[in-house]
């Protein structure tokens, strides 16, 4: 089994910092997407939890598409919110993204290392790539 890494050239974080990890790693039919924040061009977007959640998931979905995976391949999501009051709004966007294909997930409330409201990662599986 080989390991395929996506985005090892390093993404750009806040302040133009080069990030020292892959955007995603694939092995044995599994794709592990690194945590994504509501960032565009190295900067966190302004906006509430709904806008930030949509962009964090859009960032995950773009990486998944690059690796050849789709929303139906997502088996687990890890979500971190910075405030428990965001939970209902986060769930609204989560339902929009996954529709009839909801994955398992964990959602917790913690501080994040960047100044945003949400971070998500996804784990995907495709048997035909195992």
Protein backbone atom coordinates (compact mmCIF):
# COMPACT_ATOMS: atom_id res chain seq x y z
CA UNK A 1 0.00 0.00 0.00
CA UNK A 2 1.33 3.40 -0.93
CA UNK A 3 0.61 6.74 0.69
CA UNK A 4 -0.40 9.71 -1.47
CA UNK A 5 -0.02 13.17 0.02
CA UNK A 6 -1.88 16.20 -1.35
CA UNK A 7 -0.66 19.74 -0.87
CA UNK A 8 2.74 18.92 0.61
CA UNK A 9 4.13 22.11 -0.88
CA UNK A 10 2.53 23.70 2.16
CA UNK A 11 -0.57 25.81 2.27
CA UNK A 12 -0.55 29.38 3.45
CA UNK A 13 -1.87 30.21 6.90
CA UNK A 14 -2.63 33.51 8.58
CA UNK A 15 0.00 36.16 8.09
CA UNK A 16 1.45 34.31 5.10
CA UNK A 17 2.88 31.52 7.25
CA UNK A 18 3.80 28.41 5.24
CA UNK A 19 2.01 25.44 6.80
CA UNK A 20 4.22 22.37 7.42
CA UNK A 21 1.64 19.62 6.74
CA UNK A 22 -0.21 18.03 3.84
CA UNK A 23 -3.73 19.23 3.06
CA UNK A 24 -4.72 15.54 2.85
CA UNK A 25 -3.22 12.06 2.96
CA UNK A 26 -4.61 8.96 1.22
CA UNK A 27 -3.81 5.33 2.05
CA UNK A 28 -5.69 2.08 1.52
CA UNK A 29 -8.87 3.75 0.24
CA UNK A 30 -8.93 6.23 3.12
CA UNK A 31 -8.54 9.99 2.71
CA UNK A 32 -7.74 12.10 5.77
CA UNK A 33 -8.27 15.82 5.14
CA UNK A 34 -6.44 18.16 7.50
CA UNK A 35 -8.55 20.51 9.59
CA UNK A 36 -9.94 23.36 7.53
CA UNK A 37 -10.89 26.79 8.80
CA UNK A 38 -12.90 29.50 7.05
CA UNK A 39 -9.81 30.82 5.33
CA UNK A 40 -9.38 32.16 1.81
CA UNK A 41 -5.99 33.21 0.45
CA UNK A 42 -4.39 32.84 3.89
CA UNK A 43 -6.91 35.04 5.68
CA UNK A 44 -9.94 34.16 7.80
CA UNK A 45 -13.11 35.56 6.25
CA UNK A 46 -15.35 37.88 8.20
CA UNK A 47 -18.82 36.64 9.00
CA UNK A 48 -20.90 34.64 11.38
CA UNK A 49 -20.87 30.95 12.12
CA UNK A 50 -23.00 30.06 9.08
CA UNK A 51 -20.68 31.78 6.58
CA UNK A 52 -17.57 30.46 8.31
CA UNK A 53 -18.92 26.90 8.48
CA UNK A 54 -19.82 26.93 4.79
CA UNK A 55 -16.32 28.04 3.80
CA UNK A 56 -14.61 25.53 6.11
CA UNK A 57 -16.64 22.71 4.48
CA UNK A 58 -16.08 24.17 0.99
CA UNK A 59 -12.34 24.04 1.66
CA UNK A 60 -12.63 20.37 2.68
CA UNK A 61 -14.75 19.55 -0.37
CA UNK A 62 -12.25 21.20 -2.73
CA UNK A 63 -9.42 19.07 -1.31
CA UNK A 64 -11.59 15.95 -1.54
CA UNK A 65 -12.44 16.65 -5.20
CA UNK A 66 -8.74 17.13 -5.98
CA UNK A 67 -8.11 13.66 -4.52
CA UNK A 68 -11.07 12.09 -6.37
CA UNK A 69 -13.53 11.78 -3.46
CA UNK A 70 -17.07 13.14 -3.09
CA UNK A 71 -19.39 14.07 -0.26
CA UNK A 72 -20.90 10.55 -0.39
CA UNK A 73 -17.46 9.15 0.54
CA UNK A 74 -17.27 11.04 3.87
CA UNK A 75 -17.53 8.60 6.78
CA UNK A 76 -16.56 10.86 9.71
CA UNK A 77 -16.29 14.56 10.53
CA UNK A 78 -14.52 16.20 13.44
CA UNK A 79 -15.80 19.69 14.20
CA UNK A 80 -14.50 22.25 16.66
CA UNK A 81 -16.62 25.27 17.55
CA UNK A 82 -15.37 28.12 19.70
CA UNK A 83 -18.77 28.69 21.32
CA UNK A 84 -21.50 26.17 22.20
CA UNK A 85 -24.12 28.68 21.05
CA UNK A 86 -22.98 28.03 17.46
CA UNK A 87 -24.17 24.40 17.59
CA UNK A 88 -27.64 24.84 16.01
CA UNK A 89 -26.32 27.02 13.18
CA UNK A 90 -23.45 24.60 12.55
CA UNK A 91 -25.97 21.72 12.35
CA UNK A 92 -27.99 23.64 9.75
CA UNK A 93 -24.98 23.94 7.44
CA UNK A 94 -23.88 20.36 8.19
CA UNK A 95 -27.31 19.10 7.03
CA UNK A 96 -27.07 21.22 3.85
CA UNK A 97 -23.63 19.83 3.02
CA UNK A 98 -24.35 16.15 3.65
CA UNK A 99 -28.08 15.87 2.92
CA UNK A 100 -29.01 12.21 2.49
CA UNK A 101 -25.44 11.03 3.22
CA UNK A 102 -24.77 12.11 6.82
CA UNK A 103 -21.48 10.80 8.22
CA UNK A 104 -20.64 10.02 11.83
CA UNK A 105 -19.11 12.96 13.66
CA UNK A 106 -17.83 14.50 16.85
CA UNK A 107 -18.32 18.15 17.72
CA UNK A 108 -16.56 19.88 20.58
CA UNK A 109 -16.06 23.38 21.93
CA UNK A 110 -12.44 24.53 22.20
CA UNK A 111 -10.17 27.45 21.50
CA UNK A 112 -8.62 27.43 18.04
CA UNK A 113 -5.13 28.56 17.06
CA UNK A 114 -6.55 30.97 14.48
CA UNK A 115 -9.16 33.63 15.15
CA UNK A 116 -12.23 31.96 13.70
CA UNK A 117 -15.40 30.27 14.90
CA UNK A 118 -15.05 26.76 13.43
CA UNK A 119 -12.63 24.14 12.14
CA UNK A 120 -13.59 20.86 10.49
CA UNK A 121 -11.80 17.83 9.16
CA UNK A 122 -13.18 14.88 7.20
CA UNK A 123 -12.28 11.26 6.77
CA UNK A 124 -13.38 9.57 3.55
CA UNK A 125 -13.35 6.00 2.27
CA UNK A 126 -13.62 4.43 -1.19
CA UNK A 127 -13.42 0.63 -1.39
CA UNK A 128 -12.39 0.80 -5.06
CA UNK A 129 -9.19 2.58 -3.99
CA UNK A 130 -8.29 0.21 -1.15
